[in-house]
Amino acid sequence: MLTAAPPGFQDSRHTATVESQPSDVIETRLWLEEHVWLYGVLKSDRNVGPIFRFPDLISACVSQVFSGPEAARQIFSFLGTELVARSPNTPRRREAMWRPQYDLLLELQRSPANRHPNPKFQLDHLTTACVALCQQADETGASVLQQARINMAQRFRPEHATQTR
């Protein structure tokens, strides 16, 4: 697993993932408020057959936001109005996401909208914004679980498997 955390950090929760597919998941951080909501989705009675975990749910949020034509505008609007109003010392939880969704956020992080003279937002800000926007759109999390199913099906398609190896 590649990480956006400081070098030398090892998170024992992801050891099996790290050993099995080292480049398929990327570590990120999620602000506590959004983590609590996503944990509720994780434990929801709707999360069955299969039970999706945090990498699937976070990635589903990113995919869902990026499926719209105004993804960058929505994300930076949330960051500039809502997230910026929170304490910068807000606790974050270490989690993971799948590489294709990380690549979307990385491209956004490198975009002109995140360069001088604009404020510079980090990966945890962008990840948190995607989760928050999904929460605002559907408090139940049902759409996130549906998107997790779509993402899983895409990961298992033969053409995608050969591209990621």
Protein backbone atom coordinates (compact mmCIF):
# COMPACT_ATOMS: atom_id res chain seq x y z
CA MET A 1 0.00 0.00 0.00
CA LEU A 2 1.31 3.42 -0.86
CA THR A 3 0.85 6.05 1.76
CA ALA A 4 0.26 9.73 2.05
CA ALA A 5 1.25 9.57 5.73
CA PRO A 6 4.68 10.38 7.17
CA PRO A 7 7.47 7.92 6.28
CA GLY A 8 8.00 5.11 8.74
CA PHE A 9 4.34 4.87 9.75
CA GLN A 10 3.00 1.34 9.82
CA ASP A 11 -0.65 0.65 10.43
CA SER A 12 -1.26 -2.95 11.50
CA ARG A 13 -4.89 -2.83 10.28
CA HIS A 14 -3.67 -2.87 6.68
CA THR A 15 -0.89 -5.48 6.93
CA ALA A 16 -2.74 -8.17 4.95
CA THR A 17 -3.63 -5.70 2.23
CA VAL A 18 -0.07 -4.45 2.05
CA GLU A 19 1.29 -7.95 1.54
CA SER A 20 -1.31 -9.09 -0.98
CA GLN A 21 -1.56 -6.10 -3.34
CA PRO A 22 0.98 -3.43 -2.48
CA SER A 23 0.00 -0.83 -5.08
CA ASP A 24 -3.78 -1.17 -5.23
CA VAL A 25 -4.70 0.82 -2.11
CA ILE A 26 -3.46 4.17 -0.89
CA GLU A 27 -3.59 5.45 2.65
CA THR A 28 -5.47 8.64 3.33
CA ARG A 29 -6.91 10.43 6.32
CA LEU A 30 -10.51 11.29 6.93
CA TRP A 31 -11.72 14.02 9.26
CA LEU A 32 -13.53 12.64 12.29
CA GLU A 33 -17.03 13.97 11.52
CA GLU A 34 -17.08 12.30 8.10
CA HIS A 35 -15.44 9.16 9.49
CA VAL A 36 -18.24 8.80 12.02
CA TRP A 37 -20.87 9.06 9.28
CA LEU A 38 -19.05 6.60 7.02
CA TYR A 39 -18.65 4.20 9.95
CA GLY A 40 -22.44 4.33 10.28
CA VAL A 41 -22.74 3.38 6.61
CA LEU A 42 -20.24 0.56 7.19
CA LYS A 43 -22.33 -0.81 10.07
CA SER A 44 -25.66 -0.15 8.34
CA ASP A 45 -28.04 -3.04 7.74
CA ARG A 46 -27.89 -2.01 4.06
CA ASN A 47 -24.21 -2.99 3.88
CA VAL A 48 -24.69 -6.68 3.08
CA GLY A 49 -23.71 -9.22 0.42
CA PRO A 50 -20.81 -8.28 0.26
CA ILE A 51 -19.99 -6.13 3.26
CA PHE A 52 -17.97 -3.19 2.01
CA ARG A 53 -15.09 -1.84 4.09
CA PHE A 54 -13.60 1.64 4.34
CA PRO A 55 -11.47 1.51 1.15
CA ASP A 56 -14.62 0.62 -0.82
CA LEU A 57 -16.76 3.24 0.89
CA ILE A 58 -14.26 6.09 0.62
CA SER A 59 -13.58 5.22 -3.01
CA ALA A 60 -17.31 5.10 -3.68
CA CYS A 61 -17.66 8.62 -2.30
CA VAL A 62 -14.86 9.87 -4.53
CA SER A 63 -16.33 8.13 -7.58
CA GLN A 64 -19.79 9.44 -6.87
CA VAL A 65 -18.62 13.05 -6.58
CA PHE A 66 -16.43 12.77 -9.68
CA SER A 67 -19.30 11.31 -11.71
CA GLY A 68 -20.83 14.77 -11.90
CA PRO A 69 -19.70 17.52 -14.26
CA GLU A 70 -19.03 20.01 -11.45
CA ALA A 71 -16.87 17.79 -9.20
CA ALA A 72 -13.95 20.20 -8.78
CA ARG A 73 -16.25 23.16 -8.17
CA GLN A 74 -18.29 21.23 -5.59
CA ILE A 75 -15.20 19.99 -3.76
CA PHE A 76 -13.47 23.38 -3.61
CA SER A 77 -16.74 25.06 -2.66
CA PHE A 78 -17.12 22.70 0.30
CA LEU A 79 -13.48 23.20 1.26
CA GLY A 80 -13.67 26.97 1.01
CA THR A 81 -16.92 27.41 2.90
CA GLU A 82 -17.35 24.52 5.32
CA LEU A 83 -14.08 22.70 5.97
CA VAL A 84 -12.08 25.91 6.28
CA ALA A 85 -14.41 26.98 9.13
CA ARG A 86 -13.40 23.96 11.23
CA SER A 87 -10.43 23.84 13.53
CA PRO A 88 -7.29 22.75 11.63
CA ASN A 89 -6.56 20.53 14.64
CA THR A 90 -9.66 18.41 14.02
CA PRO A 91 -8.73 14.74 14.54
CA ARG A 92 -8.38 12.52 11.50
CA ARG A 93 -8.56 8.76 11.09
CA ARG A 94 -6.19 6.78 8.92
CA GLU A 95 -8.02 4.81 6.27
CA ALA A 96 -7.41 3.65 2.71
CA MET A 97 -8.90 4.01 -0.75
CA TRP A 98 -8.44 2.26 -4.05
CA ARG A 99 -5.84 3.60 -6.47
CA PRO A 100 -8.21 4.77 -9.27
CA GLN A 101 -10.01 7.11 -6.88
CA TYR A 102 -6.73 8.28 -5.36
CA ASP A 103 -5.57 9.15 -8.88
CA LEU A 104 -8.65 11.36 -9.32
CA LEU A 105 -7.89 13.21 -6.10
CA LEU A 106 -4.19 13.49 -6.94
CA GLU A 107 -5.05 15.11 -10.27
CA LEU A 108 -7.35 17.54 -8.46
CA GLN A 109 -4.66 18.27 -5.86
CA ARG A 110 -2.23 19.14 -8.67
CA SER A 111 -4.78 21.27 -10.54
CA PRO A 112 -4.54 25.06 -10.96
CA ALA A 113 -7.46 25.44 -8.53
CA ASN A 114 -5.15 24.18 -5.77
CA ARG A 115 -2.18 26.43 -6.67
CA HIS A 116 -1.13 29.96 -5.81
CA PRO A 117 -2.90 32.31 -5.29
CA ASN A 118 -5.51 29.81 -4.06
CA PRO A 119 -5.07 27.98 -0.75
CA LYS A 120 -3.37 24.60 -0.97
CA PHE A 121 -5.53 21.69 0.17
CA GLN A 122 -4.08 18.29 1.04
CA LEU A 123 -5.29 14.77 0.28
CA ASP A 124 -7.18 14.48 3.59
CA HIS A 125 -9.09 17.68 2.78
CA LEU A 126 -10.10 16.41 -0.66
CA THR A 127 -11.06 12.96 0.65
CA THR A 128 -13.09 14.46 3.46
CA ALA A 129 -14.88 16.79 1.04
CA CYS A 130 -15.98 13.86 -1.13
CA VAL A 131 -17.37 11.97 1.86
CA ALA A 132 -19.11 15.09 3.19
CA LEU A 133 -20.70 15.81 -0.19
CA CYS A 134 -22.03 12.25 -0.36
CA GLN A 135 -23.42 12.59 3.14
CA GLN A 136 -25.17 15.83 2.17
CA ALA A 137 -26.63 14.20 -0.96
CA ASP A 138 -27.86 11.03 0.77
CA GLU A 139 -27.72 10.78 4.55
CA THR A 140 -28.68 7.08 4.42
CA GLY A 141 -25.53 6.13 2.49
CA ALA A 142 -27.52 3.91 0.11
CA SER A 143 -26.05 5.66 -2.93
CA VAL A 144 -22.52 5.16 -1.58
CA LEU A 145 -23.15 1.44 -1.16
CA GLN A 146 -24.53 1.26 -4.71
CA GLN A 147 -21.44 3.06 -6.04
CA ALA A 148 -19.22 0.64 -4.08
CA ARG A 149 -20.89 -2.21 -6.00
CA ILE A 150 -20.24 -0.46 -9.31
CA ASN A 151 -16.61 0.19 -8.40
CA MET A 152 -16.11 -3.43 -7.35
CA ALA A 153 -17.52 -4.69 -10.64
CA GLN A 154 -15.17 -2.37 -12.52
CA ARG A 155 -12.14 -3.60 -10.54
CA PHE A 156 -12.95 -7.20 -11.43
CA ARG A 157 -13.40 -6.65 -15.17
CA PRO A 158 -10.57 -8.30 -17.12
CA GLU A 159 -9.57 -5.13 -18.99
CA HIS A 160 -9.16 -3.23 -15.71
CA ALA A 161 -7.16 -6.06 -14.10
CA THR A 162 -4.56 -6.02 -16.87
CA GLN A 163 -4.24 -2.22 -16.69
CA THR A 164 -3.52 -2.17 -12.95
CA ARG A 165 -0.90 -4.92 -12.92
